[in-house]
C-alpha cells in the first residue's frame, strides 16, 4: 500500500504561520536569500490586517499568538531598518 499523507488540522495558526515564516526570511532571520525590508514590511502589515479583521473572533491563545508574532516581527524590523543586527 502507498504511504498515507497526513494533513494538519485547519487552525488559525495554519493561516498565520506562513506569513510569519516568510517575514522571518525577509528579515534575514532564516537563511534563505538575505534581507528584504519592503517584503518584511508588507508581511507585517498583512499580519496586522489579519489581526484587525479577526478581532473579537479569536480564542485567547490565538489572540496572544498573533499579538506576540506581530510585536516580535516589528522589533526585528525596527532593528534591521536602523542597521542593527536583530
C-alpha atoms as a PDB file:
ATOM      1  CA  UNK A   1       0.000   0.000   0.000  1.00  0.00           C
ATOM      2  CA  UNK A   2       1.021   3.613  -0.566  1.00  0.00           C
ATOM      3  CA  UNK A   3       2.092   5.948   2.142  1.00  0.00           C
ATOM      4  CA  UNK A   4      -0.843   7.872   3.622  1.00  0.00           C
ATOM      5  CA  UNK A   5      -0.374  11.640   3.572  1.00  0.00           C
ATOM      6  CA  UNK A   6      -1.008  13.379   6.864  1.00  0.00           C
ATOM      7  CA  UNK A   7      -2.798  16.698   6.512  1.00  0.00           C
ATOM      8  CA  UNK A   8      -2.539  19.000   9.510  1.00  0.00           C
ATOM      9  CA  UNK A   9      -5.799  20.197  11.063  1.00  0.00           C
ATOM     10  CA  UNK A  10      -7.265  23.509   9.944  1.00  0.00           C
ATOM     11  CA  UNK A  11      -6.447  26.032  12.636  1.00  0.00           C
ATOM     12  CA  UNK A  12      -5.841  29.758  12.809  1.00  0.00           C
ATOM     13  CA  UNK A  13      -2.104  29.090  13.018  1.00  0.00           C
ATOM     14  CA  UNK A  14      -2.330  27.451   9.572  1.00  0.00           C
ATOM     15  CA  UNK A  15      -3.077  30.904   8.168  1.00  0.00           C
ATOM     16  CA  UNK A  16      -0.700  32.879  10.380  1.00  0.00           C
ATOM     17  CA  UNK A  17       2.475  30.785  10.368  1.00  0.00           C
ATOM     18  CA  UNK A  18       3.259  31.010   6.628  1.00  0.00           C
ATOM     19  CA  UNK A  19       3.198  34.836   6.861  1.00  0.00           C
ATOM     20  CA  UNK A  20       5.369  34.685   9.980  1.00  0.00           C
ATOM     21  CA  UNK A  21       7.899  32.327   8.420  1.00  0.00           C
ATOM     22  CA  UNK A  22       8.143  34.374   5.221  1.00  0.00           C
ATOM     23  CA  UNK A  23       8.570  37.581   7.262  1.00  0.00           C
ATOM     24  CA  UNK A  24      11.404  35.971   9.246  1.00  0.00           C
ATOM     25  CA  UNK A  25      13.046  35.021   5.937  1.00  0.00           C
ATOM     26  CA  UNK A  26      12.647  38.576   4.615  1.00  0.00           C
ATOM     27  CA  UNK A  27      14.202  39.909   7.807  1.00  0.00           C
ATOM     28  CA  UNK A  28      17.200  37.609   7.405  1.00  0.00           C
ATOM     29  CA  UNK A  29      16.351  35.577  10.495  1.00  0.00           C
ATOM     30  CA  UNK A  30      16.025  32.396   8.458  1.00  0.00           C
ATOM     31  CA  UNK A  31      18.832  31.941   5.954  1.00  0.00           C
ATOM     32  CA  UNK A  32      17.209  31.976   2.534  1.00  0.00           C
ATOM     33  CA  UNK A  33      18.214  34.951   0.458  1.00  0.00           C
ATOM     34  CA  UNK A  34      19.119  37.961   2.560  1.00  0.00           C
ATOM     35  CA  UNK A  35      17.155  40.864   3.945  1.00  0.00           C
ATOM     36  CA  UNK A  36      14.187  42.292   2.042  1.00  0.00           C
ATOM     37  CA  UNK A  37      12.731  45.053   4.220  1.00  0.00           C
ATOM     38  CA  UNK A  38       9.914  46.078   1.827  1.00  0.00           C
ATOM     39  CA  UNK A  39       8.633  42.488   1.747  1.00  0.00           C
ATOM     40  CA  UNK A  40       9.004  42.161   5.522  1.00  0.00           C
ATOM     41  CA  UNK A  41       7.045  45.379   5.997  1.00  0.00           C
ATOM     42  CA  UNK A  42       4.228  44.171   3.746  1.00  0.00           C
ATOM     43  CA  UNK A  43       4.014  40.833   5.560  1.00  0.00           C
ATOM     44  CA  UNK A  44       3.870  42.584   8.937  1.00  0.00           C
ATOM     45  CA  UNK A  45       1.081  44.786   7.551  1.00  0.00           C
ATOM     46  CA  UNK A  46      -0.784  41.659   6.405  1.00  0.00           C
ATOM     47  CA  UNK A  47      -0.481  40.108   9.864  1.00  0.00           C
ATOM     48  CA  UNK A  48      -1.801  43.339  11.396  1.00  0.00           C
ATOM     49  CA  UNK A  49      -4.677  43.356   8.892  1.00  0.00           C
ATOM     50  CA  UNK A  50      -5.480  39.753   9.781  1.00  0.00           C
ATOM     51  CA  UNK A  51      -5.475  40.702  13.458  1.00  0.00           C
ATOM     52  CA  UNK A  52      -7.805  43.639  12.780  1.00  0.00           C
ATOM     53  CA  UNK A  53     -10.234  41.623  10.657  1.00  0.00           C
ATOM     54  CA  UNK A  54     -10.434  38.743  13.141  1.00  0.00           C
ATOM     55  CA  UNK A  55     -10.711  40.915  16.269  1.00  0.00           C
ATOM     56  CA  UNK A  56     -13.370  39.542  18.587  1.00  0.00           C
ATOM     57  CA  UNK A  57     -13.392  36.164  16.854  1.00  0.00           C
ATOM     58  CA  UNK A  58     -10.154  34.647  18.162  1.00  0.00           C
ATOM     59  CA  UNK A  59      -9.607  32.459  21.183  1.00  0.00           C
ATOM     60  CA  UNK A  60      -7.353  33.809  23.924  1.00  0.00           C
ATOM     61  CA  UNK A  61      -4.475  31.663  22.658  1.00  0.00           C
ATOM     62  CA  UNK A  62      -4.947  32.772  19.039  1.00  0.00           C
ATOM     63  CA  UNK A  63      -5.037  36.438  20.060  1.00  0.00           C
ATOM     64  CA  UNK A  64      -1.881  36.007  22.134  1.00  0.00           C
ATOM     65  CA  UNK A  65      -0.175  34.263  19.218  1.00  0.00           C
ATOM     66  CA  UNK A  66      -0.913  36.945  16.632  1.00  0.00           C
ATOM     67  CA  UNK A  67      -0.095  39.779  19.057  1.00  0.00           C
ATOM     68  CA  UNK A  68       3.203  38.161  20.016  1.00  0.00           C
ATOM     69  CA  UNK A  69       4.189  37.394  16.418  1.00  0.00           C
ATOM     70  CA  UNK A  70       3.377  40.932  15.285  1.00  0.00           C
ATOM     71  CA  UNK A  71       5.354  42.502  18.138  1.00  0.00           C
ATOM     72  CA  UNK A  72       8.353  40.221  17.572  1.00  0.00           C
ATOM     73  CA  UNK A  73       8.481  40.957  13.846  1.00  0.00           C
ATOM     74  CA  UNK A  74       8.157  44.710  14.431  1.00  0.00           C
ATOM     75  CA  UNK A  75      11.089  44.685  16.856  1.00  0.00           C
ATOM     76  CA  UNK A  76      13.282  42.786  14.403  1.00  0.00           C
ATOM     77  CA  UNK A  77      12.152  45.027  11.527  1.00  0.00           C
ATOM     78  CA  UNK A  78      12.958  48.170  13.519  1.00  0.00           C
ATOM     79  CA  UNK A  79      16.449  46.903  14.363  1.00  0.00           C
ATOM     80  CA  UNK A  80      17.126  45.867  10.755  1.00  0.00           C
ATOM     81  CA  UNK A  81      15.836  49.168   9.365  1.00  0.00           C
ATOM     82  CA  UNK A  82      18.187  51.062  11.694  1.00  0.00           C
ATOM     83  CA  UNK A  83      21.113  48.956  10.506  1.00  0.00           C
ATOM     84  CA  UNK A  84      21.424  46.935  13.689  1.00  0.00           C
ATOM     85  CA  UNK A  85      21.580  43.193  13.835  1.00  0.00           C
ATOM     86  CA  UNK A  86      18.486  41.706  15.440  1.00  0.00           C
END
